[in-house]
């Protein structure tokens, strides 16, 4: 099976570490795995380089570089034709649904929520993405939650 994991970046963080563990396990079980980054932040490169997993950056240049990034992702996915597009975290989950009409891949969302105070990261755009995610979740083929808090966050409770 061919699996493409899409995420914001591979900077330091718990979700990024989970992506690497998932990619490694899928690879050892014989699956073809690649990781697509919206941004080119790639701090965990030493972790990935020995796994024989391709890492492709869409080189998103900033918050508003959405149309070009979506176009690049659609082009990549049409060319690569993964069976599964596995998105991680809010922006990537939303992006995966936006490209769904243009690809044949099944869409899997990775909802990662912890007890951290998100107030420092919340601004109006982040709040809008979270609202959109609640509405768009029904279009995902599968949603994997890492906690009950993740399920509650998607439900808006």
C-alpha atoms as a PDB file:
ATOM      1  CA  UNK A   1       0.000   0.000   0.000  1.00  0.00           C
ATOM      2  CA  UNK A   2       1.207   3.520  -0.762  1.00  0.00           C
ATOM      3  CA  UNK A   3       0.771   6.019   2.089  1.00  0.00           C
ATOM      4  CA  UNK A   4       1.482   9.735   1.952  1.00  0.00           C
ATOM      5  CA  UNK A   5       1.613  11.546   5.276  1.00  0.00           C
ATOM      6  CA  UNK A   6       1.028  15.302   5.039  1.00  0.00           C
ATOM      7  CA  UNK A   7       1.839  17.677   7.863  1.00  0.00           C
ATOM      8  CA  UNK A   8       2.839  21.266   8.476  1.00  0.00           C
ATOM      9  CA  UNK A   9       6.529  20.487   9.102  1.00  0.00           C
ATOM     10  CA  UNK A  10       8.937  18.130  10.830  1.00  0.00           C
ATOM     11  CA  UNK A  11      10.044  20.553  13.517  1.00  0.00           C
ATOM     12  CA  UNK A  12      10.420  19.371  17.083  1.00  0.00           C
ATOM     13  CA  UNK A  13       7.160  18.187  18.619  1.00  0.00           C
ATOM     14  CA  UNK A  14       5.136  15.215  19.763  1.00  0.00           C
ATOM     15  CA  UNK A  15       3.034  14.904  16.597  1.00  0.00           C
ATOM     16  CA  UNK A  16       6.164  15.091  14.470  1.00  0.00           C
ATOM     17  CA  UNK A  17       7.719  12.313  16.527  1.00  0.00           C
ATOM     18  CA  UNK A  18       4.524  10.241  16.033  1.00  0.00           C
ATOM     19  CA  UNK A  19       4.780  10.780  12.272  1.00  0.00           C
ATOM     20  CA  UNK A  20       8.311   9.397  12.241  1.00  0.00           C
ATOM     21  CA  UNK A  21       7.319   6.359  14.313  1.00  0.00           C
ATOM     22  CA  UNK A  22       4.310   5.733  12.041  1.00  0.00           C
ATOM     23  CA  UNK A  23       6.383   6.106   8.859  1.00  0.00           C
ATOM     24  CA  UNK A  24       9.065   3.747  10.233  1.00  0.00           C
ATOM     25  CA  UNK A  25       6.496   1.101  11.218  1.00  0.00           C
ATOM     26  CA  UNK A  26       4.622   1.303   7.914  1.00  0.00           C
ATOM     27  CA  UNK A  27       7.940   1.011   6.041  1.00  0.00           C
ATOM     28  CA  UNK A  28       9.052  -2.049   8.048  1.00  0.00           C
ATOM     29  CA  UNK A  29       5.712  -3.690   7.238  1.00  0.00           C
ATOM     30  CA  UNK A  30       6.355  -3.302   3.520  1.00  0.00           C
ATOM     31  CA  UNK A  31       4.373  -0.185   2.673  1.00  0.00           C
ATOM     32  CA  UNK A  32       5.591   2.599   0.396  1.00  0.00           C
ATOM     33  CA  UNK A  33       5.661   5.737   2.555  1.00  0.00           C
ATOM     34  CA  UNK A  34       6.441   9.377   1.884  1.00  0.00           C
ATOM     35  CA  UNK A  35       6.048  12.483   3.991  1.00  0.00           C
ATOM     36  CA  UNK A  36       4.874  15.770   2.468  1.00  0.00           C
ATOM     37  CA  UNK A  37       5.598  18.960   4.396  1.00  0.00           C
ATOM     38  CA  UNK A  38       3.695  22.179   3.839  1.00  0.00           C
ATOM     39  CA  UNK A  39       6.702  24.144   5.155  1.00  0.00           C
ATOM     40  CA  UNK A  40      10.337  23.187   4.772  1.00  0.00           C
ATOM     41  CA  UNK A  41      11.098  23.087   8.529  1.00  0.00           C
ATOM     42  CA  UNK A  42      12.867  19.795   8.857  1.00  0.00           C
ATOM     43  CA  UNK A  43      14.626  19.553  12.246  1.00  0.00           C
ATOM     44  CA  UNK A  44      14.095  15.802  12.540  1.00  0.00           C
ATOM     45  CA  UNK A  45      16.040  15.004   9.344  1.00  0.00           C
ATOM     46  CA  UNK A  46      18.504  12.612  11.045  1.00  0.00           C
ATOM     47  CA  UNK A  47      15.525  10.533  12.213  1.00  0.00           C
ATOM     48  CA  UNK A  48      14.133  10.128   8.692  1.00  0.00           C
ATOM     49  CA  UNK A  49      17.252   9.865   6.564  1.00  0.00           C
ATOM     50  CA  UNK A  50      17.983   6.249   7.539  1.00  0.00           C
ATOM     51  CA  UNK A  51      14.398   5.046   7.022  1.00  0.00           C
ATOM     52  CA  UNK A  52      14.339   5.251   3.203  1.00  0.00           C
ATOM     53  CA  UNK A  53      11.258   7.473   3.364  1.00  0.00           C
ATOM     54  CA  UNK A  54      11.029  10.337   0.876  1.00  0.00           C
ATOM     55  CA  UNK A  55      10.356  13.749   2.393  1.00  0.00           C
ATOM     56  CA  UNK A  56       8.924  16.323   0.003  1.00  0.00           C
ATOM     57  CA  UNK A  57       8.439  19.966   0.933  1.00  0.00           C
ATOM     58  CA  UNK A  58       5.816  22.078  -0.801  1.00  0.00           C
ATOM     59  CA  UNK A  59       7.804  25.128   0.359  1.00  0.00           C
ATOM     60  CA  UNK A  60       4.809  27.088   1.576  1.00  0.00           C
ATOM     61  CA  UNK A  61       6.157  30.599   1.933  1.00  0.00           C
ATOM     62  CA  UNK A  62       3.731  31.856   4.568  1.00  0.00           C
ATOM     63  CA  UNK A  63       0.259  31.813   6.008  1.00  0.00           C
ATOM     64  CA  UNK A  64      -1.423  33.161   2.867  1.00  0.00           C
ATOM     65  CA  UNK A  65       0.423  31.005   0.335  1.00  0.00           C
ATOM     66  CA  UNK A  66      -2.565  28.669   0.087  1.00  0.00           C
ATOM     67  CA  UNK A  67      -3.537  28.463  -3.618  1.00  0.00           C
ATOM     68  CA  UNK A  68       0.015  27.679  -4.785  1.00  0.00           C
ATOM     69  CA  UNK A  69       0.497  25.146  -1.994  1.00  0.00           C
ATOM     70  CA  UNK A  70      -2.809  23.406  -2.766  1.00  0.00           C
ATOM     71  CA  UNK A  71      -1.905  23.278  -6.461  1.00  0.00           C
ATOM     72  CA  UNK A  72       1.522  21.765  -5.694  1.00  0.00           C
ATOM     73  CA  UNK A  73      -0.051  19.176  -3.384  1.00  0.00           C
ATOM     74  CA  UNK A  74      -2.680  18.207  -5.961  1.00  0.00           C
ATOM     75  CA  UNK A  75      -0.006  17.855  -8.660  1.00  0.00           C
ATOM     76  CA  UNK A  76       2.162  15.697  -6.384  1.00  0.00           C
ATOM     77  CA  UNK A  77      -0.736  13.457  -5.329  1.00  0.00           C
ATOM     78  CA  UNK A  78      -1.986  12.999  -8.882  1.00  0.00           C
ATOM     79  CA  UNK A  79       1.507  11.994  -9.963  1.00  0.00           C
ATOM     80  CA  UNK A  80       2.223   9.758  -6.951  1.00  0.00           C
ATOM     81  CA  UNK A  81      -1.315   8.317  -6.540  1.00  0.00           C
ATOM     82  CA  UNK A  82      -1.139   7.152  -2.912  1.00  0.00           C
ATOM     83  CA  UNK A  83      -3.819   4.818  -1.617  1.00  0.00           C
ATOM     84  CA  UNK A  84      -4.030   6.821   1.606  1.00  0.00           C
ATOM     85  CA  UNK A  85      -3.422  10.481   2.337  1.00  0.00           C
ATOM     86  CA  UNK A  86      -2.859  10.642   6.086  1.00  0.00           C
ATOM     87  CA  UNK A  87      -3.028  14.221   7.375  1.00  0.00           C
ATOM     88  CA  UNK A  88      -1.699  15.286  10.766  1.00  0.00           C
ATOM     89  CA  UNK A  89      -2.937  18.307  12.727  1.00  0.00           C
ATOM     90  CA  UNK A  90      -5.435  21.101  11.970  1.00  0.00           C
ATOM     91  CA  UNK A  91      -4.063  22.829   8.866  1.00  0.00           C
ATOM     92  CA  UNK A  92      -3.101  19.569   7.149  1.00  0.00           C
ATOM     93  CA  UNK A  93      -6.453  17.964   7.943  1.00  0.00           C
ATOM     94  CA  UNK A  94      -8.256  20.896   6.354  1.00  0.00           C
ATOM     95  CA  UNK A  95      -5.936  20.883   3.331  1.00  0.00           C
ATOM     96  CA  UNK A  96      -6.536  17.149   2.790  1.00  0.00           C
ATOM     97  CA  UNK A  97     -10.286  17.716   2.434  1.00  0.00           C
ATOM     98  CA  UNK A  98      -9.747  20.661   0.080  1.00  0.00           C
ATOM     99  CA  UNK A  99      -7.734  18.446  -2.306  1.00  0.00           C
ATOM    100  CA  UNK A 100     -10.008  15.394  -1.975  1.00  0.00           C
ATOM    101  CA  UNK A 101     -12.167  16.198  -5.051  1.00  0.00           C
ATOM    102  CA  UNK A 102      -9.016  16.148  -7.210  1.00  0.00           C
ATOM    103  CA  UNK A 103      -7.496  12.838  -6.071  1.00  0.00           C
ATOM    104  CA  UNK A 104      -8.551   9.226  -5.603  1.00  0.00           C
ATOM    105  CA  UNK A 105      -6.820   8.624  -2.244  1.00  0.00           C
ATOM    106  CA  UNK A 106      -8.688   7.758   0.937  1.00  0.00           C
ATOM    107  CA  UNK A 107      -8.345  10.564   3.487  1.00  0.00           C
ATOM    108  CA  UNK A 108      -7.298   9.774   7.058  1.00  0.00           C
ATOM    109  CA  UNK A 109      -7.109  12.520   9.647  1.00  0.00           C
ATOM    110  CA  UNK A 110      -4.781  12.425  12.624  1.00  0.00           C
ATOM    111  CA  UNK A 111      -6.298  14.397  15.492  1.00  0.00           C
ATOM    112  CA  UNK A 112      -3.657  15.185  18.094  1.00  0.00           C
ATOM    113  CA  UNK A 113      -4.741  17.029  21.225  1.00  0.00           C
ATOM    114  CA  UNK A 114      -2.940  17.290  24.517  1.00  0.00           C
ATOM    115  CA  UNK A 115      -3.517  19.231  27.693  1.00  0.00           C
ATOM    116  CA  UNK A 116      -1.325  22.133  26.566  1.00  0.00           C
ATOM    117  CA  UNK A 117      -2.671  25.662  26.766  1.00  0.00           C
ATOM    118  CA  UNK A 118      -3.304  26.617  23.150  1.00  0.00           C
ATOM    119  CA  UNK A 119      -4.085  30.216  24.068  1.00  0.00           C
ATOM    120  CA  UNK A 120      -0.593  31.316  23.100  1.00  0.00           C
ATOM    121  CA  UNK A 121      -1.081  29.847  19.617  1.00  0.00           C
ATOM    122  CA  UNK A 122      -4.679  30.899  19.005  1.00  0.00           C
ATOM    123  CA  UNK A 123      -5.476  33.813  16.786  1.00  0.00           C
ATOM    124  CA  UNK A 124      -8.523  34.434  14.587  1.00  0.00           C
ATOM    125  CA  UNK A 125      -7.219  32.266  11.735  1.00  0.00           C
ATOM    126  CA  UNK A 126      -6.434  29.318  14.009  1.00  0.00           C
ATOM    127  CA  UNK A 127      -9.926  29.574  15.487  1.00  0.00           C
ATOM    128  CA  UNK A 128     -11.453  29.658  11.978  1.00  0.00           C
ATOM    129  CA  UNK A 129      -9.476  26.557  10.969  1.00  0.00           C
ATOM    130  CA  UNK A 130     -10.737  24.733  14.053  1.00  0.00           C
ATOM    131  CA  UNK A 131     -14.349  25.667  13.188  1.00  0.00           C
ATOM    132  CA  UNK A 132     -13.823  24.582   9.568  1.00  0.00           C
ATOM    133  CA  UNK A 133     -12.272  21.331  10.757  1.00  0.00           C
ATOM    134  CA  UNK A 134     -15.408  20.530  12.775  1.00  0.00           C
ATOM    135  CA  UNK A 135     -17.505  20.963   9.619  1.00  0.00           C
ATOM    136  CA  UNK A 136     -15.111  19.182   7.263  1.00  0.00           C
ATOM    137  CA  UNK A 137     -14.478  16.148   9.457  1.00  0.00           C
ATOM    138  CA  UNK A 138     -17.467  14.307   7.987  1.00  0.00           C
ATOM    139  CA  UNK A 139     -15.680  14.190   4.617  1.00  0.00           C
ATOM    140  CA  UNK A 140     -12.672  12.282   5.958  1.00  0.00           C
ATOM    141  CA  UNK A 141     -12.773   8.542   5.351  1.00  0.00           C
ATOM    142  CA  UNK A 142     -11.322   7.858   8.796  1.00  0.00           C
ATOM    143  CA  UNK A 143     -10.289   9.947  11.802  1.00  0.00           C
ATOM    144  CA  UNK A 144      -7.698   8.658  14.276  1.00  0.00           C
ATOM    145  CA  UNK A 145      -7.810  10.339  17.692  1.00  0.00           C
ATOM    146  CA  UNK A 146      -4.939  10.126  20.153  1.00  0.00           C
ATOM    147  CA  UNK A 147      -7.236  10.905  23.080  1.00  0.00           C
ATOM    148  CA  UNK A 148     -10.776  11.564  24.186  1.00  0.00           C
ATOM    149  CA  UNK A 149      -9.764  15.246  24.272  1.00  0.00           C
ATOM    150  CA  UNK A 150      -9.191  15.034  20.502  1.00  0.00           C
ATOM    151  CA  UNK A 151     -12.679  13.653  19.957  1.00  0.00           C
ATOM    152  CA  UNK A 152     -14.140  16.380  22.191  1.00  0.00           C
ATOM    153  CA  UNK A 153     -12.173  19.071  20.324  1.00  0.00           C
ATOM    154  CA  UNK A 154     -13.547  17.952  16.965  1.00  0.00           C
ATOM    155  CA  UNK A 155     -17.052  17.773  18.394  1.00  0.00           C
ATOM    156  CA  UNK A 156     -16.642  21.317  19.760  1.00  0.00           C
ATOM    157  CA  UNK A 157     -17.226  20.341  23.361  1.00  0.00           C
END
